[in-house]
PDB file of all heavy atoms in Angstrom:
ATOM      1  N   GLY A   1       1.684 -13.848  -4.330  1.00  0.00           N
ATOM      2  CA  GLY A   1       1.403 -14.711  -3.198  1.00  0.00           C
ATOM      3  C   GLY A   1       0.876 -14.003  -1.976  1.00  0.00           C
ATOM      4  O   GLY A   1       0.350 -14.642  -1.050  1.00  0.00           O
ATOM      5  N   THR A   2       1.016 -12.688  -1.921  1.00  0.00           N
ATOM      6  CA  THR A   2       0.579 -11.903  -0.756  1.00  0.00           C
ATOM      7  C   THR A   2      -0.896 -11.557  -0.875  1.00  0.00           C
ATOM      8  O   THR A   2      -1.383 -11.200  -1.948  1.00  0.00           O
ATOM      9  CB  THR A   2       1.409 -10.610  -0.647  1.00  0.00           C
ATOM     10  OG1 THR A   2       2.787 -10.938  -0.586  1.00  0.00           O
ATOM     11  CG2 THR A   2       1.030  -9.816   0.588  1.00  0.00           C
ATOM     12  N   SER A   3      -1.610 -11.640   0.235  1.00  0.00           N
ATOM     13  CA  SER A   3      -3.019 -11.266   0.264  1.00  0.00           C
ATOM     14  C   SER A   3      -3.190  -9.933   1.005  1.00  0.00           C
ATOM     15  O   SER A   3      -2.258  -9.434   1.613  1.00  0.00           O
ATOM     16  CB  SER A   3      -3.837 -12.363   0.962  1.00  0.00           C
ATOM     17  OG  SER A   3      -3.311 -12.653   2.252  1.00  0.00           O
ATOM     18  N   GLY A   4      -4.414  -9.391   0.948  1.00  0.00           N
ATOM     19  CA  GLY A   4      -4.715  -8.223   1.763  1.00  0.00           C
ATOM     20  C   GLY A   4      -5.087  -6.976   0.996  1.00  0.00           C
ATOM     21  O   GLY A   4      -5.474  -7.024  -0.169  1.00  0.00           O
ATOM     22  N   VAL A   5      -4.965  -5.823   1.671  1.00  0.00           N
ATOM     23  CA  VAL A   5      -5.480  -4.537   1.170  1.00  0.00           C
ATOM     24  C   VAL A   5      -4.695  -4.074  -0.047  1.00  0.00           C
ATOM     25  O   VAL A   5      -3.467  -3.942  -0.008  1.00  0.00           O
ATOM     26  CB  VAL A   5      -5.408  -3.450   2.255  1.00  0.00           C
ATOM     27  CG1 VAL A   5      -6.031  -2.161   1.723  1.00  0.00           C
ATOM     28  CG2 VAL A   5      -6.107  -3.900   3.533  1.00  0.00           C
ATOM     29  N   LEU A   6      -5.431  -3.804  -1.124  1.00  0.00           N
ATOM     30  CA  LEU A   6      -4.835  -3.282  -2.354  1.00  0.00           C
ATOM     31  C   LEU A   6      -5.712  -2.116  -2.820  1.00  0.00           C
ATOM     32  O   LEU A   6      -6.938  -2.245  -2.883  1.00  0.00           O
ATOM     33  CB  LEU A   6      -4.763  -4.368  -3.417  1.00  0.00           C
ATOM     34  CG  LEU A   6      -3.925  -4.101  -4.662  1.00  0.00           C
ATOM     35  CD1 LEU A   6      -2.480  -3.791  -4.306  1.00  0.00           C
ATOM     36  CD2 LEU A   6      -3.978  -5.311  -5.597  1.00  0.00           C
ATOM     37  N   LEU A   7      -5.080  -1.000  -3.162  1.00  0.00           N
ATOM     38  CA  LEU A   7      -5.816   0.247  -3.402  1.00  0.00           C
ATOM     39  C   LEU A   7      -5.737   0.666  -4.850  1.00  0.00           C
ATOM     40  O   LEU A   7      -4.678   0.628  -5.479  1.00  0.00           O
ATOM     41  CB  LEU A   7      -5.227   1.349  -2.509  1.00  0.00           C
ATOM     42  CG  LEU A   7      -5.942   2.706  -2.493  1.00  0.00           C
ATOM     43  CD1 LEU A   7      -7.343   2.569  -1.909  1.00  0.00           C
ATOM     44  CD2 LEU A   7      -5.119   3.707  -1.683  1.00  0.00           C
ATOM     45  N   ALA A   8      -6.881   1.113  -5.397  1.00  0.00           N
ATOM     46  CA  ALA A   8      -6.947   1.632  -6.758  1.00  0.00           C
ATOM     47  C   ALA A   8      -7.692   2.958  -6.774  1.00  0.00           C
ATOM     48  O   ALA A   8      -8.568   3.211  -5.928  1.00  0.00           O
ATOM     49  CB  ALA A   8      -7.660   0.624  -7.674  1.00  0.00           C
ATOM     50  N   ALA A   9      -7.352   3.810  -7.731  1.00  0.00           N
ATOM     51  CA  ALA A   9      -8.013   5.098  -7.897  1.00  0.00           C
ATOM     52  C   ALA A   9      -9.060   4.993  -9.001  1.00  0.00           C
ATOM     53  O   ALA A   9      -8.915   4.225  -9.954  1.00  0.00           O
ATOM     54  CB  ALA A   9      -7.001   6.176  -8.236  1.00  0.00           C
ATOM     55  N   ARG A  10     -10.108   5.820  -8.884  1.00  0.00           N
ATOM     56  CA  ARG A  10     -11.142   5.843  -9.907  1.00  0.00           C
ATOM     57  C   ARG A  10     -10.987   7.040 -10.850  1.00  0.00           C
ATOM     58  O   ARG A  10     -11.638   7.094 -11.894  1.00  0.00           O
ATOM     59  CB  ARG A  10     -12.528   5.903  -9.257  1.00  0.00           C
ATOM     60  CG  ARG A  10     -12.841   4.737  -8.370  1.00  0.00           C
ATOM     61  CD  ARG A  10     -14.238   4.839  -7.778  1.00  0.00           C
ATOM     62  NE  ARG A  10     -15.185   4.013  -8.487  1.00  0.00           N
ATOM     63  CZ  ARG A  10     -16.139   3.288  -7.905  1.00  0.00           C
ATOM     64  NH1 ARG A  10     -16.252   3.291  -6.589  1.00  0.00           N
ATOM     65  NH2 ARG A  10     -16.969   2.579  -8.621  1.00  0.00           N
ATOM     66  N   THR A  11     -10.137   8.000 -10.465  1.00  0.00           N
ATOM     67  CA  THR A  11      -9.892   9.159 -11.318  1.00  0.00           C
ATOM     68  C   THR A  11      -8.391   9.378 -11.440  1.00  0.00           C
ATOM     69  O   THR A  11      -7.619   8.958 -10.574  1.00  0.00           O
ATOM     70  CB  THR A  11     -10.532  10.431 -10.737  1.00  0.00           C
ATOM     71  OG1 THR A  11      -9.814  10.836  -9.553  1.00  0.00           O
ATOM     72  CG2 THR A  11     -11.998  10.217 -10.384  1.00  0.00           C
ATOM     73  N   ARG A  12      -7.985  10.060 -12.503  1.00  0.00           N
ATOM     74  CA  ARG A  12      -6.558  10.313 -12.689  1.00  0.00           C
ATOM     75  C   ARG A  12      -6.002  11.258 -11.620  1.00  0.00           C
ATOM     76  O   ARG A  12      -4.877  11.088 -11.174  1.00  0.00           O
ATOM     77  CB  ARG A  12      -6.312  10.897 -14.092  1.00  0.00           C
ATOM     78  CG  ARG A  12      -4.845  11.080 -14.413  1.00  0.00           C
ATOM     79  CD  ARG A  12      -4.632  11.307 -15.886  1.00  0.00           C
ATOM     80  NE  ARG A  12      -4.852  10.118 -16.681  1.00  0.00           N
ATOM     81  CZ  ARG A  12      -3.931   9.160 -16.849  1.00  0.00           C
ATOM     82  NH1 ARG A  12      -2.743   9.274 -16.306  1.00  0.00           N
ATOM     83  NH2 ARG A  12      -4.198   8.106 -17.578  1.00  0.00           N
ATOM     84  N   ASP A  13      -6.792  12.228 -11.182  1.00  0.00           N
ATOM     85  CA  ASP A  13      -6.326  13.140 -10.131  1.00  0.00           C
ATOM     86  C   ASP A  13      -6.083  12.379  -8.823  1.00  0.00           C
ATOM     87  O   ASP A  13      -5.081  12.593  -8.146  1.00  0.00           O
ATOM     88  CB  ASP A  13      -7.339  14.261  -9.895  1.00  0.00           C
ATOM     89  CG  ASP A  13      -7.327  15.304 -11.003  1.00  0.00           C
ATOM     90  OD1 ASP A  13      -6.359  15.316 -11.791  1.00  0.00           O
ATOM     91  OD2 ASP A  13      -8.285  16.105 -11.073  1.00  0.00           O
ATOM     92  N   ALA A  14      -7.017  11.500  -8.463  1.00  0.00           N
ATOM     93  CA  ALA A  14      -6.857  10.709  -7.246  1.00  0.00           C
ATOM     94  C   ALA A  14      -5.643   9.801  -7.352  1.00  0.00           C
ATOM     95  O   ALA A  14      -4.883   9.639  -6.393  1.00  0.00           O
ATOM     96  CB  ALA A  14      -8.114   9.886  -6.984  1.00  0.00           C
ATOM     97  N   TRP A  15      -5.435   9.215  -8.524  1.00  0.00           N
ATOM     98  CA  TRP A  15      -4.277   8.345  -8.740  1.00  0.00           C
ATOM     99  C   TRP A  15      -2.978   9.111  -8.529  1.00  0.00           C
ATOM    100  O   TRP A  15      -2.064   8.636  -7.846  1.00  0.00           O
ATOM    101  CB  TRP A  15      -4.328   7.753 -10.149  1.00  0.00           C
ATOM    102  CG  TRP A  15      -3.240   6.772 -10.463  1.00  0.00           C
ATOM    103  CD1 TRP A  15      -3.224   5.442 -10.176  1.00  0.00           C
ATOM    104  CD2 TRP A  15      -2.009   7.054 -11.139  1.00  0.00           C
ATOM    105  NE1 TRP A  15      -2.047   4.862 -10.642  1.00  0.00           N
ATOM    106  CE2 TRP A  15      -1.296   5.823 -11.221  1.00  0.00           C
ATOM    107  CE3 TRP A  15      -1.441   8.192 -11.685  1.00  0.00           C
ATOM    108  CZ2 TRP A  15      -0.042   5.732 -11.834  1.00  0.00           C
ATOM    109  CZ3 TRP A  15      -0.198   8.111 -12.285  1.00  0.00           C
ATOM    110  CH2 TRP A  15       0.494   6.883 -12.352  1.00  0.00           C
ATOM    111  N   ALA A  16      -2.875  10.304  -9.101  1.00  0.00           N
ATOM    112  CA  ALA A  16      -1.654  11.094  -8.975  1.00  0.00           C
ATOM    113  C   ALA A  16      -1.398  11.486  -7.515  1.00  0.00           C
ATOM    114  O   ALA A  16      -0.253  11.425  -7.039  1.00  0.00           O
ATOM    115  CB  ALA A  16      -1.758  12.345  -9.851  1.00  0.00           C
ATOM    116  N   LEU A  17      -2.444  11.886  -6.798  1.00  0.00           N
ATOM    117  CA  LEU A  17      -2.280  12.282  -5.398  1.00  0.00           C
ATOM    118  C   LEU A  17      -1.877  11.094  -4.527  1.00  0.00           C
ATOM    119  O   LEU A  17      -1.022  11.218  -3.634  1.00  0.00           O
ATOM    120  CB  LEU A  17      -3.580  12.907  -4.886  1.00  0.00           C
ATOM    121  CG  LEU A  17      -3.906  14.293  -5.448  1.00  0.00           C
ATOM    122  CD1 LEU A  17      -5.337  14.685  -5.097  1.00  0.00           C
ATOM    123  CD2 LEU A  17      -2.922  15.336  -4.919  1.00  0.00           C
ATOM    124  N   LEU A  18      -2.487   9.939  -4.760  1.00  0.00           N
ATOM    125  CA  LEU A  18      -2.157   8.759  -3.972  1.00  0.00           C
ATOM    126  C   LEU A  18      -0.745   8.260  -4.295  1.00  0.00           C
ATOM    127  O   LEU A  18       0.011   7.869  -3.386  1.00  0.00           O
ATOM    128  CB  LEU A  18      -3.172   7.658  -4.228  1.00  0.00           C
ATOM    129  CG  LEU A  18      -4.559   7.931  -3.638  1.00  0.00           C
ATOM    130  CD1 LEU A  18      -5.601   6.958  -4.206  1.00  0.00           C
ATOM    131  CD2 LEU A  18      -4.538   7.840  -2.112  1.00  0.00           C
ATOM    132  N   ARG A  19      -0.381   8.283  -5.571  1.00  0.00           N
ATOM    133  CA  ARG A  19       0.985   7.877  -5.934  1.00  0.00           C
ATOM    134  C   ARG A  19       2.026   8.768  -5.267  1.00  0.00           C
ATOM    135  O   ARG A  19       3.084   8.312  -4.859  1.00  0.00           O
ATOM    136  CB  ARG A  19       1.141   7.928  -7.459  1.00  0.00           C
ATOM    137  CG  ARG A  19       0.447   6.798  -8.199  1.00  0.00           C
ATOM    138  CD  ARG A  19       1.094   5.460  -7.943  1.00  0.00           C
ATOM    139  NE  ARG A  19       2.496   5.457  -8.333  1.00  0.00           N
ATOM    140  CZ  ARG A  19       3.418   4.645  -7.839  1.00  0.00           C
ATOM    141  NH1 ARG A  19       3.090   3.775  -6.891  1.00  0.00           N
ATOM    142  NH2 ARG A  19       4.658   4.687  -8.265  1.00  0.00           N
ATOM    143  N   GLU A  20       1.720  10.046  -5.156  1.00  0.00           N
ATOM    144  CA  GLU A  20       2.644  10.970  -4.501  1.00  0.00           C
ATOM    145  C   GLU A  20       2.791  10.626  -3.017  1.00  0.00           C
ATOM    146  O   GLU A  20       3.878  10.726  -2.454  1.00  0.00           O
ATOM    147  CB  GLU A  20       2.151  12.406  -4.668  1.00  0.00           C
ATOM    148  CG  GLU A  20       3.031  13.466  -4.025  1.00  0.00           C
ATOM    149  CD  GLU A  20       4.418  13.574  -4.655  1.00  0.00           C
ATOM    150  OE1 GLU A  20       4.667  12.955  -5.713  1.00  0.00           O
ATOM    151  OE2 GLU A  20       5.255  14.289  -4.070  1.00  0.00           O
ATOM    152  N   GLN A  21       1.711  10.203  -2.369  1.00  0.00           N
ATOM    153  CA  GLN A  21       1.796   9.782  -0.967  1.00  0.00           C
ATOM    154  C   GLN A  21       2.703   8.566  -0.811  1.00  0.00           C
ATOM    155  O   GLN A  21       3.494   8.491   0.141  1.00  0.00           O
ATOM    156  CB  GLN A  21       0.403   9.479  -0.416  1.00  0.00           C
ATOM    157  CG  GLN A  21      -0.478  10.690  -0.232  1.00  0.00           C
ATOM    158  CD  GLN A  21      -1.814  10.347   0.390  1.00  0.00           C
ATOM    159  OE1 GLN A  21      -1.888   9.582   1.356  1.00  0.00           O
ATOM    160  NE2 GLN A  21      -2.885  10.901  -0.160  1.00  0.00           N
ATOM    161  N   PHE A  22       2.602   7.635  -1.726  1.00  0.00           N
ATOM    162  CA  PHE A  22       3.482   6.471  -1.667  1.00  0.00           C
ATOM    163  C   PHE A  22       4.930   6.887  -1.920  1.00  0.00           C
ATOM    164  O   PHE A  22       5.842   6.418  -1.233  1.00  0.00           O
ATOM    165  CB  PHE A  22       3.056   5.409  -2.689  1.00  0.00           C
ATOM    166  CG  PHE A  22       1.941   4.518  -2.216  1.00  0.00           C
ATOM    167  CD1 PHE A  22       0.616   4.872  -2.423  1.00  0.00           C
ATOM    168  CD2 PHE A  22       2.215   3.327  -1.560  1.00  0.00           C
ATOM    169  CE1 PHE A  22      -0.417   4.055  -1.986  1.00  0.00           C
ATOM    170  CE2 PHE A  22       1.203   2.497  -1.119  1.00  0.00           C
ATOM    171  CZ  PHE A  22      -0.130   2.865  -1.334  1.00  0.00           C
ATOM    172  N   ARG A  23       5.131   7.776  -2.887  1.00  0.00           N
ATOM    173  CA  ARG A  23       6.489   8.197  -3.233  1.00  0.00           C
ATOM    174  C   ARG A  23       7.158   8.924  -2.070  1.00  0.00           C
ATOM    175  O   ARG A  23       8.356   8.749  -1.823  1.00  0.00           O
ATOM    176  CB  ARG A  23       6.468   9.111  -4.462  1.00  0.00           C
ATOM    177  CG  ARG A  23       7.845   9.453  -5.007  1.00  0.00           C
ATOM    178  CD  ARG A  23       7.774  10.472  -6.112  1.00  0.00           C
ATOM    179  NE  ARG A  23       7.414  11.794  -5.603  1.00  0.00           N
ATOM    180  CZ  ARG A  23       8.288  12.625  -5.030  1.00  0.00           C
ATOM    181  NH1 ARG A  23       9.560  12.283  -4.884  1.00  0.00           N
ATOM    182  NH2 ARG A  23       7.884  13.797  -4.580  1.00  0.00           N
ATOM    183  N   THR A  24       6.391   9.726  -1.349  1.00  0.00           N
ATOM    184  CA  THR A  24       6.944  10.519  -0.248  1.00  0.00           C
ATOM    185  C   THR A  24       6.799   9.829   1.117  1.00  0.00           C
ATOM    186  O   THR A  24       7.001  10.458   2.153  1.00  0.00           O
ATOM    187  CB  THR A  24       6.298  11.905  -0.201  1.00  0.00           C
ATOM    188  OG1 THR A  24       4.866  11.774  -0.117  1.00  0.00           O
ATOM    189  CG2 THR A  24       6.642  12.698  -1.463  1.00  0.00           C
ATOM    190  N   ARG A  25       6.438   8.570   1.117  1.00  0.00           N
ATOM    191  CA  ARG A  25       6.372   7.735   2.315  1.00  0.00           C
ATOM    192  C   ARG A  25       5.390   8.266   3.371  1.00  0.00           C
ATOM    193  O   ARG A  25       5.663   8.252   4.566  1.00  0.00           O
ATOM    194  CB  ARG A  25       7.775   7.577   2.938  1.00  0.00           C
ATOM    195  CG  ARG A  25       8.788   7.004   1.967  1.00  0.00           C
ATOM    196  CD  ARG A  25      10.155   6.874   2.609  1.00  0.00           C
ATOM    197  NE  ARG A  25      11.156   6.446   1.615  1.00  0.00           N
ATOM    198  CZ  ARG A  25      12.451   6.282   1.889  1.00  0.00           C
ATOM    199  NH1 ARG A  25      12.883   6.498   3.132  1.00  0.00           N
ATOM    200  NH2 ARG A  25      13.271   5.915   0.947  1.00  0.00           N
ATOM    201  N   GLN A  26       4.243   8.718   2.897  1.00  0.00           N
ATOM    202  CA  GLN A  26       3.199   9.184   3.802  1.00  0.00           C
ATOM    203  C   GLN A  26       2.154   8.120   4.094  1.00  0.00           C
ATOM    204  O   GLN A  26       1.214   8.367   4.848  1.00  0.00           O
ATOM    205  CB  GLN A  26       2.498  10.404   3.192  1.00  0.00           C
ATOM    206  CG  GLN A  26       3.374  11.603   2.918  1.00  0.00           C
ATOM    207  CD  GLN A  26       2.576  12.734   2.288  1.00  0.00           C
ATOM    208  OE1 GLN A  26       1.557  13.171   2.811  1.00  0.00           O
ATOM    209  NE2 GLN A  26       3.040  13.192   1.132  1.00  0.00           N
ATOM    210  N   VAL A  27       2.317   6.952   3.498  1.00  0.00           N
ATOM    211  CA  VAL A  27       1.324   5.872   3.630  1.00  0.00           C
ATOM    212  C   VAL A  27       1.748   4.912   4.733  1.00  0.00           C
ATOM    213  O   VAL A  27       2.908   4.500   4.800  1.00  0.00           O
ATOM    214  CB  VAL A  27       1.171   5.126   2.296  1.00  0.00           C
ATOM    215  CG1 VAL A  27       0.179   3.971   2.433  1.00  0.00           C
ATOM    216  CG2 VAL A  27       0.728   6.087   1.205  1.00  0.00           C
ATOM    217  N   GLY A  28       0.810   4.544   5.600  1.00  0.00           N
ATOM    218  CA  GLY A  28       1.063   3.523   6.620  1.00  0.00           C
ATOM    219  C   GLY A  28       0.740   2.159   6.074  1.00  0.00           C
ATOM    220  O   GLY A  28      -0.382   1.917   5.604  1.00  0.00           O
ATOM    221  N   LYS A  29       1.730   1.249   6.105  1.00  0.00           N
ATOM    222  CA  LYS A  29       1.531  -0.102   5.547  1.00  0.00           C
ATOM    223  C   LYS A  29       1.853  -1.126   6.620  1.00  0.00           C
ATOM    224  O   LYS A  29       2.986  -1.229   7.080  1.00  0.00           O
ATOM    225  CB  LYS A  29       2.441  -0.295   4.325  1.00  0.00           C
ATOM    226  CG  LYS A  29       2.065   0.598   3.137  1.00  0.00           C
ATOM    227  CD  LYS A  29       3.039   0.480   1.995  1.00  0.00           C
ATOM    228  CE  LYS A  29       4.269   1.338   2.215  1.00  0.00           C
ATOM    229  NZ  LYS A  29       5.138   1.388   1.030  1.00  0.00           N
ATOM    230  N   ARG A  30       0.843  -1.881   7.003  1.00  0.00           N
ATOM    231  CA  ARG A  30       1.012  -2.879   8.067  1.00  0.00           C
ATOM    232  C   ARG A  30       0.672  -4.278   7.534  1.00  0.00           C
ATOM    233  O   ARG A  30      -0.326  -4.459   6.830  1.00  0.00           O
ATOM    234  CB  ARG A  30       0.124  -2.542   9.261  1.00  0.00           C
ATOM    235  CG  ARG A  30       0.265  -3.484  10.436  1.00  0.00           C
ATOM    236  CD  ARG A  30      -0.368  -2.894  11.677  1.00  0.00           C
ATOM    237  NE  ARG A  30       0.355  -1.684  12.108  1.00  0.00           N
ATOM    238  CZ  ARG A  30       0.087  -1.027  13.230  1.00  0.00           C
ATOM    239  NH1 ARG A  30      -0.885  -1.426  14.029  1.00  0.00           N
ATOM    240  NH2 ARG A  30       0.774   0.049  13.546  1.00  0.00           N
ATOM    241  N   TYR A  31       1.524  -5.233   7.897  1.00  0.00           N
ATOM    242  CA  TYR A  31       1.366  -6.621   7.442  1.00  0.00           C
ATOM    243  C   TYR A  31       1.428  -7.557   8.639  1.00  0.00           C
ATOM    244  O   TYR A  31       1.963  -7.212   9.708  1.00  0.00           O
ATOM    245  CB  TYR A  31       2.491  -7.009   6.468  1.00  0.00           C
ATOM    246  CG  TYR A  31       2.522  -6.259   5.173  1.00  0.00           C
ATOM    247  CD1 TYR A  31       2.956  -4.932   5.102  1.00  0.00           C
ATOM    248  CD2 TYR A  31       2.130  -6.885   3.981  1.00  0.00           C
ATOM    249  CE1 TYR A  31       3.005  -4.250   3.897  1.00  0.00           C
ATOM    250  CE2 TYR A  31       2.184  -6.199   2.769  1.00  0.00           C
ATOM    251  CZ  TYR A  31       2.614  -4.884   2.738  1.00  0.00           C
ATOM    252  OH  TYR A  31       2.665  -4.208   1.557  1.00  0.00           O
ATOM    253  N   VAL A  32       0.924  -8.762   8.430  1.00  0.00           N
ATOM    254  CA  VAL A  32       1.145  -9.858   9.376  1.00  0.00           C
ATOM    255  C   VAL A  32       1.775 -10.997   8.589  1.00  0.00           C
ATOM    256  O   VAL A  32       1.379 -11.285   7.448  1.00  0.00           O
ATOM    257  CB  VAL A  32      -0.168 -10.309  10.039  1.00  0.00           C
ATOM    258  CG1 VAL A  32       0.023 -11.635  10.768  1.00  0.00           C
ATOM    259  CG2 VAL A  32      -0.666  -9.246  11.019  1.00  0.00           C
ATOM    260  N   ALA A  33       2.788 -11.628   9.187  1.00  0.00           N
ATOM    261  CA  ALA A  33       3.479 -12.733   8.516  1.00  0.00           C
ATOM    262  C   ALA A  33       3.678 -13.876   9.494  1.00  0.00           C
ATOM    263  O   ALA A  33       3.843 -13.660  10.703  1.00  0.00           O
ATOM    264  CB  ALA A  33       4.834 -12.268   7.981  1.00  0.00           C
ATOM    265  N   LEU A  34       3.673 -15.077   8.969  1.00  0.00           N
ATOM    266  CA  LEU A  34       4.041 -16.268   9.739  1.00  0.00           C
ATOM    267  C   LEU A  34       5.419 -16.674   9.244  1.00  0.00           C
ATOM    268  O   LEU A  34       5.600 -16.947   8.071  1.00  0.00           O
ATOM    269  CB  LEU A  34       3.021 -17.378   9.522  1.00  0.00           C
ATOM    270  CG  LEU A  34       3.186 -18.653  10.356  1.00  0.00           C
ATOM    271  CD1 LEU A  34       3.169 -18.350  11.835  1.00  0.00           C
ATOM    272  CD2 LEU A  34       2.058 -19.639  10.019  1.00  0.00           C
ATOM    273  N   VAL A  35       6.407 -16.657  10.142  1.00  0.00           N
ATOM    274  CA  VAL A  35       7.787 -16.834   9.726  1.00  0.00           C
ATOM    275  C   VAL A  35       8.435 -18.035  10.407  1.00  0.00           C
ATOM    276  O   VAL A  35       7.976 -18.519  11.449  1.00  0.00           O
ATOM    277  CB  VAL A  35       8.625 -15.574  10.032  1.00  0.00           C
ATOM    278  CG1 VAL A  35       8.060 -14.361   9.307  1.00  0.00           C
ATOM    279  CG2 VAL A  35       8.704 -15.298  11.540  1.00  0.00           C
ATOM    280  N   ASP A  36       9.497 -18.494   9.797  1.00  0.00           N
ATOM    281  CA  ASP A  36      10.297 -19.583  10.369  1.00  0.00           C
ATOM    282  C   ASP A  36      10.956 -19.139  11.663  1.00  0.00           C
ATOM    283  O   ASP A  36      11.400 -17.997  11.807  1.00  0.00           O
ATOM    284  CB  ASP A  36      11.406 -19.988   9.394  1.00  0.00           C
ATOM    285  CG  ASP A  36      10.955 -21.049   8.409  1.00  0.00           C
ATOM    286  OD1 ASP A  36      10.214 -21.955   8.814  1.00  0.00           O
ATOM    287  OD2 ASP A  36      11.361 -20.962   7.234  1.00  0.00           O
ATOM    288  N   GLY A  37      11.068 -20.078  12.603  1.00  0.00           N
ATOM    289  CA  GLY A  37      11.844 -19.824  13.817  1.00  0.00           C
ATOM    290  C   GLY A  37      11.088 -19.041  14.872  1.00  0.00           C
ATOM    291  O   GLY A  37       9.944 -18.626  14.684  1.00  0.00           O
ATOM    292  N   VAL A  38      11.766 -18.824  15.984  1.00  0.00           N
ATOM    293  CA  VAL A  38      11.185 -18.127  17.129  1.00  0.00           C
ATOM    294  C   VAL A  38      11.693 -16.686  17.147  1.00  0.00           C
ATOM    295  O   VAL A  38      12.898 -16.445  17.259  1.00  0.00           O
ATOM    296  CB  VAL A  38      11.544 -18.827  18.453  1.00  0.00           C
ATOM    297  CG1 VAL A  38      10.967 -18.056  19.632  1.00  0.00           C
ATOM    298  CG2 VAL A  38      11.040 -20.256  18.450  1.00  0.00           C
TER     299      VAL A  38
END
């Protein structure tokens, strides 16, 4: 149900390096949400 930026690698080396960034929390992830209440 979520829309927005989704990232894929074109090579196995790039995939491994990017996965490591996610694992070690080096990736900045920003979202916008419309939520209930004030």
